[in-house]
Amino acid sequence: MNRKLIVSLDCSLAKALEVVKETKDIEQVYGYKIGLHLALTFGLIRASNEIKLRAPFKKVIYDHQKGCTDVPHVGKNFSDVVRTTRVDEVILFPLTGLVSLENWVRELQKRDVPVIIGGRMTHDGFSKEAGGFIATEDSLKIYQKASELGVDRFVLPPKDSEFHKRFVEVVKPDHLIYSPGFGVQGCEKNNFTDYPIVGRSIYNSDNVRQATLEWVEKIC
């Protein structure tokens, strides 16, 4: 498997650009994930531009944290905004139903923006079975419906092998898996993830480059 690392940049812009500078030449780094911290502070256009100016051949993945939870028609507005930026891929968590899922995905597909769909998060207490609100069957239904819409990129927790087995049964075989949850969140071993995502364990380290290389060696 040709695994590559994504570095999550939920940090200050100065720190984010330091990380990019130190890691942009590492072949096994696929790209950088940005979220609400940089997007709300500086705007998505500037945040993505700053990264692309320094690492033009790396992907910028925007995690709207948690996008696709609004009413269906907002998907068009969201997709229009994303298309004006230098974002390469978008992560959505369609927890509000099938109609929103369909509309948001279709709008991004019309604009040739690759969509990554999540239905289950990494933290304790997310699933209904663990005291949360979203049952395992509902999460699986999200992945299944997204796959039927042509989505082939998905966010999964990296430690839940049993859930992964059930996930594989409901999506089409040619797919890619992205997983946060490595490092500070406790996962140290990669069992099935194509694009592992590491954030705090890299950008909070004393030596960003060395930490990145160590995670590449460990999970890619």
N, C-alpha and C. Protein backbone atom coordinates (compact mmCIF):
# COMPACT_ATOMS: atom_id res chain seq x y z
N MET A 1 0.85 -1.21 0.00
CA MET A 1 0.00 0.00 0.00
C MET A 1 0.89 1.25 0.00
N ASN A 2 0.57 2.21 -0.84
CA ASN A 2 1.34 3.45 -0.94
C ASN A 2 0.76 4.50 0.01
N ARG A 3 1.07 4.35 1.27
CA ARG A 3 0.52 5.26 2.28
C ARG A 3 1.30 6.57 2.32
N LYS A 4 0.58 7.65 2.56
CA LYS A 4 1.22 8.95 2.71
C LYS A 4 0.59 9.71 3.87
N LEU A 5 1.38 10.57 4.47
CA LEU A 5 0.97 11.30 5.67
C LEU A 5 0.32 12.64 5.32
N ILE A 6 -0.72 12.98 6.07
CA ILE A 6 -1.31 14.32 6.03
C ILE A 6 -1.04 14.98 7.37
N VAL A 7 -0.52 16.19 7.34
CA VAL A 7 -0.25 16.93 8.57
C VAL A 7 -1.41 17.89 8.83
N SER A 8 -2.03 17.76 9.99
CA SER A 8 -3.13 18.63 10.36
C SER A 8 -2.58 19.91 10.97
N LEU A 9 -3.10 21.05 10.53
CA LEU A 9 -2.59 22.35 10.96
C LEU A 9 -3.64 23.12 11.75
N ASP A 10 -4.08 22.56 12.86
CA ASP A 10 -5.01 23.26 13.75
C ASP A 10 -4.21 24.06 14.76
N CYS A 11 -3.51 25.05 14.24
CA CYS A 11 -2.56 25.82 15.06
C CYS A 11 -2.49 27.24 14.49
N SER A 12 -1.60 28.04 15.03
CA SER A 12 -1.44 29.40 14.52
C SER A 12 -0.89 29.37 13.11
N LEU A 13 -1.09 30.47 12.38
CA LEU A 13 -0.57 30.53 11.01
C LEU A 13 0.95 30.47 11.01
N ALA A 14 1.58 31.14 11.96
CA ALA A 14 3.04 31.12 12.02
C ALA A 14 3.56 29.69 12.20
N LYS A 15 2.94 28.96 13.12
CA LYS A 15 3.34 27.58 13.34
C LYS A 15 3.04 26.72 12.11
N ALA A 16 1.88 26.94 11.50
CA ALA A 16 1.50 26.16 10.31
C ALA A 16 2.53 26.34 9.20
N LEU A 17 2.96 27.58 8.97
CA LEU A 17 3.92 27.84 7.90
C LEU A 17 5.30 27.29 8.24
N GLU A 18 5.62 27.25 9.52
CA GLU A 18 6.87 26.60 9.94
C GLU A 18 6.83 25.11 9.62
N VAL A 19 5.69 24.49 9.91
CA VAL A 19 5.53 23.06 9.60
C VAL A 19 5.67 22.81 8.11
N VAL A 20 5.01 23.64 7.31
CA VAL A 20 5.09 23.48 5.85
C VAL A 20 6.53 23.64 5.37
N LYS A 21 7.21 24.64 5.86
CA LYS A 21 8.59 24.88 5.47
C LYS A 21 9.48 23.67 5.77
N GLU A 22 9.26 23.05 6.93
CA GLU A 22 10.12 21.95 7.37
C GLU A 22 9.77 20.60 6.73
N THR A 23 8.59 20.51 6.13
CA THR A 23 8.13 19.19 5.66
C THR A 23 7.77 19.14 4.18
N LYS A 24 7.80 20.26 3.49
CA LYS A 24 7.29 20.31 2.11
C LYS A 24 8.09 19.45 1.14
N ASP A 25 9.35 19.13 1.48
CA ASP A 25 10.17 18.33 0.58
C ASP A 25 10.15 16.85 0.92
N ILE A 26 9.37 16.45 1.92
CA ILE A 26 9.28 15.05 2.29
C ILE A 26 8.28 14.37 1.36
N GLU A 27 8.75 13.43 0.59
CA GLU A 27 7.92 12.81 -0.44
C GLU A 27 6.68 12.14 0.14
N GLN A 28 6.81 11.54 1.32
CA GLN A 28 5.70 10.79 1.91
C GLN A 28 4.65 11.69 2.56
N VAL A 29 4.87 12.99 2.56
CA VAL A 29 3.84 13.93 3.04
C VAL A 29 2.92 14.25 1.86
N TYR A 30 1.68 13.82 1.97
CA TYR A 30 0.70 14.02 0.90
C TYR A 30 0.23 15.47 0.86
N GLY A 31 0.02 16.05 2.05
CA GLY A 31 -0.48 17.41 2.09
C GLY A 31 -0.79 17.86 3.51
N TYR A 32 -1.60 18.93 3.59
CA TYR A 32 -1.87 19.57 4.87
C TYR A 32 -3.38 19.79 5.03
N LYS A 33 -3.86 19.45 6.21
CA LYS A 33 -5.28 19.64 6.51
C LYS A 33 -5.46 20.90 7.33
N ILE A 34 -6.33 21.78 6.85
CA ILE A 34 -6.64 22.99 7.60
C ILE A 34 -8.12 22.97 7.99
N GLY A 35 -8.41 23.65 9.10
CA GLY A 35 -9.78 23.64 9.61
C GLY A 35 -10.24 25.00 10.05
N LEU A 36 -11.12 25.03 11.01
CA LEU A 36 -11.76 26.29 11.40
C LEU A 36 -10.78 27.29 11.99
N HIS A 37 -9.73 26.82 12.65
CA HIS A 37 -8.81 27.77 13.28
C HIS A 37 -8.21 28.73 12.26
N LEU A 38 -7.60 28.20 11.22
CA LEU A 38 -6.99 29.07 10.21
C LEU A 38 -8.03 29.72 9.32
N ALA A 39 -9.09 28.98 8.97
CA ALA A 39 -10.10 29.51 8.06
C ALA A 39 -10.86 30.68 8.68
N LEU A 40 -11.21 30.57 9.95
CA LEU A 40 -11.95 31.65 10.61
C LEU A 40 -11.05 32.83 10.96
N THR A 41 -9.80 32.55 11.24
CA THR A 41 -8.88 33.63 11.63
C THR A 41 -8.42 34.44 10.43
N PHE A 42 -8.08 33.77 9.34
CA PHE A 42 -7.47 34.45 8.20
C PHE A 42 -8.29 34.37 6.92
N GLY A 43 -9.33 33.57 6.92
CA GLY A 43 -10.08 33.33 5.69
C GLY A 43 -9.50 32.14 4.95
N LEU A 44 -10.37 31.38 4.30
CA LEU A 44 -9.93 30.17 3.62
C LEU A 44 -9.04 30.47 2.42
N ILE A 45 -9.31 31.59 1.75
CA ILE A 45 -8.49 31.95 0.59
C ILE A 45 -7.05 32.19 1.01
N ARG A 46 -6.85 33.04 2.03
CA ARG A 46 -5.48 33.33 2.46
C ARG A 46 -4.81 32.10 3.04
N ALA A 47 -5.52 31.36 3.87
CA ALA A 47 -4.92 30.19 4.51
C ALA A 47 -4.42 29.19 3.48
N SER A 48 -5.25 28.91 2.48
CA SER A 48 -4.84 27.95 1.45
C SER A 48 -3.75 28.53 0.56
N ASN A 49 -3.82 29.82 0.27
CA ASN A 49 -2.79 30.46 -0.55
C ASN A 49 -1.42 30.41 0.11
N GLU A 50 -1.40 30.70 1.41
CA GLU A 50 -0.12 30.73 2.13
C GLU A 50 0.57 29.37 2.07
N ILE A 51 -0.21 28.31 2.16
CA ILE A 51 0.37 26.97 2.10
C ILE A 51 0.81 26.64 0.68
N LYS A 52 -0.05 26.91 -0.29
CA LYS A 52 0.27 26.58 -1.69
C LYS A 52 1.47 27.38 -2.21
N LEU A 53 1.64 28.61 -1.75
CA LEU A 53 2.79 29.40 -2.18
C LEU A 53 4.10 28.74 -1.75
N ARG A 54 4.07 28.07 -0.61
CA ARG A 54 5.27 27.44 -0.07
C ARG A 54 5.41 25.98 -0.47
N ALA A 55 4.28 25.34 -0.74
CA ALA A 55 4.30 23.91 -1.10
C ALA A 55 3.31 23.65 -2.23
N PRO A 56 3.62 24.14 -3.42
CA PRO A 56 2.65 24.09 -4.53
C PRO A 56 2.28 22.68 -4.98
N PHE A 57 3.11 21.69 -4.66
CA PHE A 57 2.85 20.33 -5.12
C PHE A 57 2.22 19.45 -4.04
N LYS A 58 1.93 20.03 -2.89
CA LYS A 58 1.24 19.29 -1.83
C LYS A 58 -0.25 19.64 -1.86
N LYS A 59 -1.06 18.70 -1.40
CA LYS A 59 -2.49 18.92 -1.36
C LYS A 59 -2.88 19.74 -0.13
N VAL A 60 -3.91 20.57 -0.30
CA VAL A 60 -4.53 21.26 0.84
C VAL A 60 -5.92 20.68 1.02
N ILE A 61 -6.15 20.10 2.17
CA ILE A 61 -7.43 19.47 2.48
C ILE A 61 -8.15 20.35 3.49
N TYR A 62 -9.37 20.76 3.16
CA TYR A 62 -10.14 21.60 4.08
C TYR A 62 -11.16 20.78 4.83
N ASP A 63 -11.04 20.79 6.15
CA ASP A 63 -11.99 20.12 7.03
C ASP A 63 -12.89 21.19 7.64
N HIS A 64 -14.15 21.23 7.19
CA HIS A 64 -15.06 22.30 7.63
C HIS A 64 -15.55 22.10 9.07
N GLN A 65 -15.27 21.00 9.68
CA GLN A 65 -15.50 20.74 11.11
C GLN A 65 -16.87 21.22 11.62
N LYS A 66 -17.95 20.66 11.37
CA LYS A 66 -18.26 19.51 10.56
C LYS A 66 -19.17 19.96 9.43
N GLY A 67 -18.60 20.04 8.25
CA GLY A 67 -19.33 20.48 7.07
C GLY A 67 -20.43 19.51 6.68
N CYS A 68 -21.43 20.03 6.00
CA CYS A 68 -22.58 19.24 5.52
C CYS A 68 -23.56 18.92 6.64
N THR A 69 -23.56 19.73 7.68
CA THR A 69 -24.57 19.55 8.72
C THR A 69 -25.63 20.64 8.64
N ASP A 70 -25.57 21.48 7.62
CA ASP A 70 -26.57 22.52 7.45
C ASP A 70 -27.63 22.06 6.44
N VAL A 71 -28.59 22.93 6.17
CA VAL A 71 -29.66 22.61 5.25
C VAL A 71 -29.10 22.39 3.84
N PRO A 72 -29.80 21.64 2.99
CA PRO A 72 -29.25 21.24 1.70
C PRO A 72 -28.76 22.37 0.80
N HIS A 73 -29.54 23.46 0.69
CA HIS A 73 -29.18 24.48 -0.30
C HIS A 73 -27.90 25.22 0.04
N VAL A 74 -27.46 25.17 1.30
CA VAL A 74 -26.21 25.84 1.67
C VAL A 74 -25.00 25.17 1.03
N GLY A 75 -25.18 23.94 0.60
CA GLY A 75 -24.08 23.24 -0.08
C GLY A 75 -23.59 23.98 -1.31
N LYS A 76 -24.49 24.64 -2.03
CA LYS A 76 -24.08 25.41 -3.21
C LYS A 76 -23.20 26.58 -2.81
N ASN A 77 -23.61 27.32 -1.78
CA ASN A 77 -22.82 28.46 -1.32
C ASN A 77 -21.43 28.00 -0.86
N PHE A 78 -21.42 26.93 -0.10
CA PHE A 78 -20.16 26.38 0.39
C PHE A 78 -19.25 25.99 -0.78
N SER A 79 -19.80 25.31 -1.76
CA SER A 79 -19.02 24.84 -2.90
C SER A 79 -18.48 26.00 -3.73
N ASP A 80 -19.30 27.05 -3.88
CA ASP A 80 -18.84 28.24 -4.60
C ASP A 80 -17.63 28.86 -3.92
N VAL A 81 -17.68 28.95 -2.59
CA VAL A 81 -16.57 29.53 -1.84
C VAL A 81 -15.31 28.68 -1.99
N VAL A 82 -15.46 27.37 -1.81
CA VAL A 82 -14.30 26.47 -1.90
C VAL A 82 -13.64 26.59 -3.27
N ARG A 83 -14.44 26.73 -4.31
CA ARG A 83 -13.90 26.79 -5.68
C ARG A 83 -13.06 28.05 -5.90
N THR A 84 -13.24 29.08 -5.10
CA THR A 84 -12.46 30.30 -5.25
C THR A 84 -11.11 30.22 -4.53
N THR A 85 -10.88 29.15 -3.79
CA THR A 85 -9.66 29.00 -3.01
C THR A 85 -8.70 28.03 -3.70
N ARG A 86 -7.61 27.74 -3.02
CA ARG A 86 -6.64 26.76 -3.55
C ARG A 86 -6.73 25.44 -2.78
N VAL A 87 -7.91 25.19 -2.24
CA VAL A 87 -8.17 23.92 -1.57
C VAL A 87 -8.31 22.82 -2.62
N ASP A 88 -7.69 21.66 -2.36
CA ASP A 88 -7.72 20.55 -3.30
C ASP A 88 -8.81 19.53 -2.98
N GLU A 89 -9.09 19.31 -1.71
CA GLU A 89 -10.07 18.31 -1.28
C GLU A 89 -10.81 18.84 -0.06
N VAL A 90 -12.02 18.33 0.15
CA VAL A 90 -12.86 18.81 1.25
C VAL A 90 -13.38 17.63 2.07
N ILE A 91 -13.33 17.77 3.39
CA ILE A 91 -13.90 16.76 4.29
C ILE A 91 -15.27 17.22 4.75
N LEU A 92 -16.26 16.34 4.63
CA LEU A 92 -17.62 16.61 5.10
C LEU A 92 -18.08 15.49 6.03
N PHE A 93 -18.90 15.87 7.01
CA PHE A 93 -19.56 14.90 7.90
C PHE A 93 -21.07 15.14 7.82
N PRO A 94 -21.78 14.45 6.94
CA PRO A 94 -23.21 14.70 6.69
C PRO A 94 -24.10 14.05 7.75
N LEU A 95 -24.10 14.61 8.94
CA LEU A 95 -24.82 14.01 10.06
C LEU A 95 -26.28 14.43 10.11
N THR A 96 -26.73 15.25 9.15
CA THR A 96 -28.10 15.77 9.20
C THR A 96 -29.02 15.17 8.15
N GLY A 97 -28.59 14.07 7.53
CA GLY A 97 -29.53 13.38 6.65
C GLY A 97 -29.12 13.27 5.21
N LEU A 98 -29.86 12.43 4.50
CA LEU A 98 -29.55 12.08 3.12
C LEU A 98 -29.64 13.27 2.16
N VAL A 99 -30.63 14.12 2.32
CA VAL A 99 -30.82 15.22 1.37
C VAL A 99 -29.64 16.18 1.41
N SER A 100 -29.19 16.52 2.62
CA SER A 100 -28.00 17.38 2.74
C SER A 100 -26.78 16.69 2.14
N LEU A 101 -26.61 15.41 2.45
CA LEU A 101 -25.50 14.65 1.88
C LEU A 101 -25.50 14.74 0.36
N GLU A 102 -26.62 14.46 -0.26
CA GLU A 102 -26.71 14.47 -1.72
C GLU A 102 -26.41 15.85 -2.28
N ASN A 103 -27.02 16.88 -1.72
CA ASN A 103 -26.86 18.23 -2.27
C ASN A 103 -25.43 18.73 -2.15
N TRP A 104 -24.83 18.59 -0.97
CA TRP A 104 -23.48 19.09 -0.76
C TRP A 104 -22.48 18.33 -1.64
N VAL A 105 -22.62 17.02 -1.71
CA VAL A 105 -21.71 16.22 -2.53
C VAL A 105 -21.86 16.59 -4.01
N ARG A 106 -23.09 16.67 -4.49
CA ARG A 106 -23.32 16.98 -5.90
C ARG A 106 -22.74 18.36 -6.27
N GLU A 107 -22.93 19.34 -5.40
CA GLU A 107 -22.43 20.69 -5.68
C GLU A 107 -20.90 20.70 -5.79
N LEU A 108 -20.24 19.97 -4.91
CA LEU A 108 -18.78 19.90 -4.99
C LEU A 108 -18.33 19.10 -6.21
N GLN A 109 -19.05 18.04 -6.52
CA GLN A 109 -18.71 17.25 -7.71
C GLN A 109 -18.85 18.07 -8.98
N LYS A 110 -19.86 18.92 -9.05
CA LYS A 110 -20.04 19.79 -10.22
C LYS A 110 -18.83 20.68 -10.43
N ARG A 111 -18.15 21.01 -9.35
CA ARG A 111 -17.00 21.92 -9.41
C ARG A 111 -15.67 21.16 -9.38
N ASP A 112 -15.76 19.85 -9.54
CA ASP A 112 -14.56 18.99 -9.61
C ASP A 112 -13.70 19.08 -8.35
N VAL A 113 -14.37 19.21 -7.22
CA VAL A 113 -13.66 19.21 -5.94
C VAL A 113 -13.83 17.84 -5.29
N PRO A 114 -12.76 17.07 -5.10
CA PRO A 114 -12.88 15.76 -4.47
C PRO A 114 -13.46 15.86 -3.05
N VAL A 115 -14.38 14.97 -2.75
CA VAL A 115 -15.08 14.98 -1.47
C VAL A 115 -14.63 13.79 -0.63
N ILE A 116 -14.36 14.05 0.64
CA ILE A 116 -14.02 13.01 1.61
C ILE A 116 -15.15 12.99 2.64
N ILE A 117 -15.79 11.84 2.80
CA ILE A 117 -16.96 11.76 3.68
C ILE A 117 -16.62 11.00 4.96
N GLY A 118 -17.01 11.59 6.08
CA GLY A 118 -16.89 10.93 7.37
C GLY A 118 -18.26 10.67 7.96
N GLY A 119 -18.35 9.59 8.73
CA GLY A 119 -19.62 9.28 9.39
C GLY A 119 -19.42 8.84 10.83
N ARG A 120 -18.17 8.69 11.22
CA ARG A 120 -17.85 8.26 12.58
C ARG A 120 -16.57 8.97 13.01
N MET A 121 -16.62 9.57 14.19
CA MET A 121 -15.48 10.34 14.67
C MET A 121 -14.62 9.52 15.62
N THR A 122 -13.47 10.08 16.00
CA THR A 122 -12.46 9.31 16.73
C THR A 122 -12.60 9.41 18.25
N HIS A 123 -13.30 10.41 18.75
CA HIS A 123 -13.30 10.63 20.20
C HIS A 123 -14.29 9.70 20.92
N ASP A 124 -14.02 9.48 22.21
CA ASP A 124 -14.89 8.65 23.03
C ASP A 124 -16.27 9.29 23.15
N GLY A 125 -17.29 8.47 23.15
CA GLY A 125 -18.65 8.96 23.36
C GLY A 125 -19.34 9.45 22.12
N PHE A 126 -18.79 9.19 20.93
CA PHE A 126 -19.45 9.66 19.72
C PHE A 126 -20.66 8.81 19.36
N SER A 127 -20.47 7.50 19.34
CA SER A 127 -21.55 6.62 18.88
C SER A 127 -22.65 6.50 19.93
N LYS A 128 -23.83 6.19 19.48
CA LYS A 128 -24.95 6.00 20.40
C LYS A 128 -24.67 4.88 21.38
N GLU A 129 -24.00 3.86 20.91
CA GLU A 129 -23.67 2.72 21.77
C GLU A 129 -22.71 3.12 22.89
N ALA A 130 -21.97 4.22 22.69
CA ALA A 130 -21.02 4.69 23.70
C ALA A 130 -21.53 5.92 24.45
N GLY A 131 -22.84 6.20 24.29
CA GLY A 131 -23.42 7.33 25.00
C GLY A 131 -23.66 8.57 24.15
N GLY A 132 -23.32 8.50 22.86
CA GLY A 132 -23.53 9.63 21.98
C GLY A 132 -24.87 9.59 21.28
N PHE A 133 -24.94 10.19 20.10
CA PHE A 133 -26.22 10.36 19.42
C PHE A 133 -26.34 9.60 18.10
N ILE A 134 -25.22 9.20 17.50
CA ILE A 134 -25.24 8.59 16.17
C ILE A 134 -24.95 7.09 16.30
N ALA A 135 -25.94 6.27 15.97
CA ALA A 135 -25.77 4.82 16.06
C ALA A 135 -24.81 4.32 14.98
N THR A 136 -24.17 3.19 15.25
CA THR A 136 -23.25 2.59 14.29
C THR A 136 -23.92 2.36 12.94
N GLU A 137 -25.17 1.89 12.96
CA GLU A 137 -25.89 1.65 11.71
C GLU A 137 -26.08 2.93 10.92
N ASP A 138 -26.29 4.04 11.62
CA ASP A 138 -26.45 5.32 10.93
C ASP A 138 -25.14 5.77 10.28
N SER A 139 -24.04 5.58 10.99
CA SER A 139 -22.74 5.92 10.40
C SER A 139 -22.48 5.09 9.15
N LEU A 140 -22.78 3.82 9.21
CA LEU A 140 -22.57 2.95 8.05
C LEU A 140 -23.46 3.37 6.88
N LYS A 141 -24.66 3.83 7.20
CA LYS A 141 -25.57 4.28 6.14
C LYS A 141 -25.00 5.51 5.43
N ILE A 142 -24.35 6.40 6.19
CA ILE A 142 -23.73 7.58 5.59
C ILE A 142 -22.68 7.15 4.56
N TYR A 143 -21.81 6.23 4.96
CA TYR A 143 -20.77 5.77 4.04
C TYR A 143 -21.37 5.08 2.82
N GLN A 144 -22.37 4.27 3.03
CA GLN A 144 -23.01 3.55 1.92
C GLN A 144 -23.62 4.52 0.92
N LYS A 145 -24.39 5.49 1.41
CA LYS A 145 -25.05 6.45 0.52
C LYS A 145 -24.02 7.30 -0.22
N ALA A 146 -22.95 7.68 0.48
CA ALA A 146 -21.91 8.47 -0.17
C ALA A 146 -21.24 7.67 -1.29
N SER A 147 -20.98 6.40 -1.02
CA SER A 147 -20.38 5.53 -2.03
C SER A 147 -21.28 5.42 -3.25
N GLU A 148 -22.58 5.33 -3.03
CA GLU A 148 -23.54 5.26 -4.14
C GLU A 148 -23.54 6.55 -4.96
N LEU A 149 -23.16 7.66 -4.34
CA LEU A 149 -23.08 8.94 -5.04
C LEU A 149 -21.76 9.11 -5.79
N GLY A 150 -20.89 8.13 -5.68
CA GLY A 150 -19.62 8.21 -6.39
C GLY A 150 -18.44 8.65 -5.54
N VAL A 151 -18.66 8.84 -4.26
CA VAL A 151 -17.56 9.20 -3.36
C VAL A 151 -16.69 7.97 -3.13
N ASP A 152 -15.38 8.17 -3.19
CA ASP A 152 -14.48 7.04 -2.96
C ASP A 152 -13.40 7.36 -1.92
N ARG A 153 -13.60 8.44 -1.18
CA ARG A 153 -12.67 8.83 -0.11
C ARG A 153 -13.46 9.01 1.18
N PHE A 154 -12.95 8.41 2.25
CA PHE A 154 -13.72 8.38 3.49
C PHE A 154 -12.83 8.59 4.70
N VAL A 155 -13.41 9.21 5.73
CA VAL A 155 -12.73 9.36 7.03
C VAL A 155 -13.23 8.28 7.97
N LEU A 156 -12.29 7.54 8.55
CA LEU A 156 -12.61 6.49 9.52
C LEU A 156 -11.70 6.60 10.73
N PRO A 157 -12.18 6.21 11.91
CA PRO A 157 -11.28 6.09 13.06
C PRO A 157 -10.25 4.99 12.80
N PRO A 158 -9.00 5.19 13.17
CA PRO A 158 -7.96 4.22 12.79
C PRO A 158 -7.85 2.99 13.69
N LYS A 159 -8.48 3.04 14.87
CA LYS A 159 -8.31 1.93 15.82
C LYS A 159 -9.44 0.90 15.79
N ASP A 160 -10.55 1.25 15.17
CA ASP A 160 -11.74 0.40 15.25
C ASP A 160 -11.78 -0.58 14.08
N SER A 161 -11.08 -1.69 14.23
CA SER A 161 -11.00 -2.68 13.15
C SER A 161 -12.35 -3.34 12.87
N GLU A 162 -13.16 -3.53 13.92
CA GLU A 162 -14.47 -4.14 13.72
C GLU A 162 -15.37 -3.24 12.88
N PHE A 163 -15.33 -1.93 13.17
CA PHE A 163 -16.12 -0.99 12.36
C PHE A 163 -15.60 -0.97 10.93
N HIS A 164 -14.30 -1.03 10.76
CA HIS A 164 -13.73 -1.04 9.42
C HIS A 164 -14.22 -2.24 8.62
N LYS A 165 -14.31 -3.39 9.26
CA LYS A 165 -14.81 -4.58 8.57
C LYS A 165 -16.24 -4.38 8.07
N ARG A 166 -17.06 -3.73 8.87
CA ARG A 166 -18.44 -3.48 8.47
C ARG A 166 -18.51 -2.39 7.39
N PHE A 167 -17.63 -1.40 7.51
CA PHE A 167 -17.54 -0.33 6.51
C PHE A 167 -17.25 -0.91 5.12
N VAL A 168 -16.27 -1.81 5.05
CA VAL A 168 -15.87 -2.41 3.77
C VAL A 168 -17.04 -3.13 3.11
N GLU A 169 -17.94 -3.65 3.89
CA GLU A 169 -19.09 -4.38 3.35
C GLU A 169 -20.12 -3.48 2.68
N VAL A 170 -20.13 -2.17 2.99
CA VAL A 170 -21.19 -1.29 2.48
C VAL A 170 -20.71 -0.29 1.43
N VAL A 171 -19.40 -0.21 1.17
CA VAL A 171 -18.90 0.73 0.16
C VAL A 171 -18.29 -0.04 -1.00
N LYS A 172 -18.12 0.65 -2.11
CA LYS A 172 -17.50 0.03 -3.27
C LYS A 172 -16.02 -0.26 -3.00
N PRO A 173 -15.47 -1.28 -3.65
CA PRO A 173 -14.13 -1.75 -3.27
C PRO A 173 -12.99 -0.78 -3.50
N ASP A 174 -13.07 0.03 -4.52
CA ASP A 174 -11.97 0.96 -4.80
C ASP A 174 -12.18 2.25 -4.02
N HIS A 175 -11.58 2.34 -2.85
CA HIS A 175 -11.76 3.53 -2.01
C HIS A 175 -10.47 3.84 -1.27
N LEU A 176 -10.40 5.04 -0.74
CA LEU A 176 -9.27 5.50 0.05
C LEU A 176 -9.76 5.89 1.44
N ILE A 177 -8.95 5.59 2.44
CA ILE A 177 -9.33 5.90 3.82
C ILE A 177 -8.37 6.92 4.41
N TYR A 178 -8.94 7.97 4.97
CA TYR A 178 -8.20 9.01 5.69
C TYR A 178 -8.55 8.86 7.18
N SER A 179 -7.55 8.96 8.04
CA SER A 179 -7.82 8.79 9.47
C SER A 179 -7.04 9.77 10.33
N PRO A 180 -7.76 10.62 11.08
CA PRO A 180 -7.13 11.30 12.21
C PRO A 180 -7.09 10.30 13.37
N GLY A 181 -6.62 10.73 14.51
CA GLY A 181 -6.63 9.83 15.67
C GLY A 181 -5.28 9.24 15.99
N PHE A 182 -4.27 9.51 15.16
CA PHE A 182 -2.92 9.05 15.45
C PHE A 182 -2.22 10.05 16.37
N GLY A 183 -1.32 9.55 17.19
CA GLY A 183 -0.56 10.45 18.04
C GLY A 183 -1.25 10.72 19.35
N VAL A 184 -1.55 11.99 19.60
CA VAL A 184 -2.14 12.41 20.88
C VAL A 184 -3.43 11.66 21.18
N GLN A 185 -4.21 11.34 20.16
CA GLN A 185 -5.47 10.63 20.38
C GLN A 185 -5.28 9.14 20.63
N GLY A 186 -4.05 8.66 20.57
CA GLY A 186 -3.78 7.33 21.08
C GLY A 186 -3.44 6.23 20.11
N CYS A 187 -3.61 6.46 18.81
CA CYS A 187 -3.31 5.39 17.85
C CYS A 187 -1.85 5.48 17.40
N GLU A 188 -1.14 4.37 17.49
CA GLU A 188 0.27 4.31 17.11
C GLU A 188 0.53 3.35 15.96
N LYS A 189 -0.49 2.60 15.56
CA LYS A 189 -0.32 1.57 14.53
C LYS A 189 -1.34 1.77 13.42
N ASN A 190 -0.90 1.62 12.19
CA ASN A 190 -1.78 1.80 11.04
C ASN A 190 -2.20 0.43 10.50
N ASN A 191 -3.47 0.13 10.67
CA ASN A 191 -3.98 -1.17 10.23
C ASN A 191 -4.61 -1.15 8.83
N PHE A 192 -5.19 0.01 8.44
CA PHE A 192 -5.92 0.02 7.16
C PHE A 192 -6.00 1.39 6.50
N THR A 193 -5.35 2.39 7.04
CA THR A 193 -5.50 3.76 6.56
C THR A 193 -4.52 4.10 5.43
N ASP A 194 -5.05 4.66 4.34
CA ASP A 194 -4.20 5.10 3.23
C ASP A 194 -3.52 6.43 3.53
N TYR A 195 -4.27 7.34 4.16
CA TYR A 195 -3.75 8.67 4.47
C TYR A 195 -3.93 8.96 5.96
N PRO A 196 -2.98 8.53 6.79
CA PRO A 196 -3.06 8.88 8.22
C PRO A 196 -2.84 10.37 8.42
N ILE A 197 -3.56 10.93 9.39
CA ILE A 197 -3.50 12.37 9.67
C ILE A 197 -2.93 12.56 11.07
N VAL A 198 -1.87 13.36 11.17
CA VAL A 198 -1.24 13.65 12.46
C VAL A 198 -1.12 15.16 12.62
N GLY A 199 -1.53 15.66 13.76
CA GLY A 199 -1.47 17.10 14.01
C GLY A 199 -0.60 17.48 15.18
N ARG A 200 -1.17 17.44 16.39
CA ARG A 200 -0.47 17.95 17.57
C ARG A 200 0.88 17.28 17.83
N SER A 201 0.98 16.00 17.53
CA SER A 201 2.24 15.29 17.76
C SER A 201 3.35 15.80 16.86
N ILE A 202 2.98 16.52 15.81
CA ILE A 202 3.97 17.13 14.93
C ILE A 202 4.15 18.60 15.24
N TYR A 203 3.07 19.39 15.18
CA TYR A 203 3.27 20.84 15.31
C TYR A 203 3.59 21.29 16.73
N ASN A 204 3.36 20.44 17.73
CA ASN A 204 3.76 20.78 19.10
C ASN A 204 5.12 20.19 19.48
N SER A 205 5.77 19.52 18.55
CA SER A 205 7.05 18.90 18.85
C SER A 205 8.18 19.92 18.79
N ASP A 206 9.30 19.61 19.44
CA ASP A 206 10.46 20.50 19.42
C ASP A 206 11.14 20.50 18.06
N ASN A 207 11.04 19.39 17.34
CA ASN A 207 11.67 19.27 16.02
C ASN A 207 10.61 18.76 15.05
N VAL A 208 9.98 19.67 14.35
CA VAL A 208 8.86 19.35 13.46
C VAL A 208 9.27 18.36 12.38
N ARG A 209 10.38 18.60 11.77
CA ARG A 209 10.81 17.73 10.66
C ARG A 209 11.09 16.32 11.16
N GLN A 210 11.83 16.22 12.26
CA GLN A 210 12.15 14.90 12.79
C GLN A 210 10.90 14.15 13.21
N ALA A 211 9.96 14.86 13.85
CA ALA A 211 8.71 14.23 14.27
C ALA A 211 7.94 13.72 13.06
N THR A 212 7.92 14.49 11.99
CA THR A 212 7.22 14.08 10.77
C THR A 212 7.85 12.82 10.19
N LEU A 213 9.16 12.81 10.10
CA LEU A 213 9.86 11.65 9.56
C LEU A 213 9.62 10.40 10.41
N GLU A 214 9.55 10.59 11.72
CA GLU A 214 9.30 9.45 12.62
C GLU A 214 7.89 8.90 12.41
N TRP A 215 6.91 9.79 12.21
CA TRP A 215 5.54 9.32 11.97
C TRP A 215 5.42 8.67 10.59
N VAL A 216 6.13 9.18 9.62
CA VAL A 216 6.15 8.54 8.30
C VAL A 216 6.66 7.11 8.44
N GLU A 217 7.76 6.96 9.15
CA GLU A 217 8.35 5.63 9.34
C GLU A 217 7.40 4.69 10.08
N LYS A 218 6.67 5.24 11.02
CA LYS A 218 5.83 4.42 11.89
C LYS A 218 4.53 3.98 11.23
N ILE A 219 3.89 4.87 10.47
CA ILE A 219 2.52 4.56 10.02
C ILE A 219 2.31 4.65 8.51
N CYS A 220 3.36 4.90 7.76
CA CYS A 220 3.21 4.97 6.29
C CYS A 220 3.94 3.82 5.59
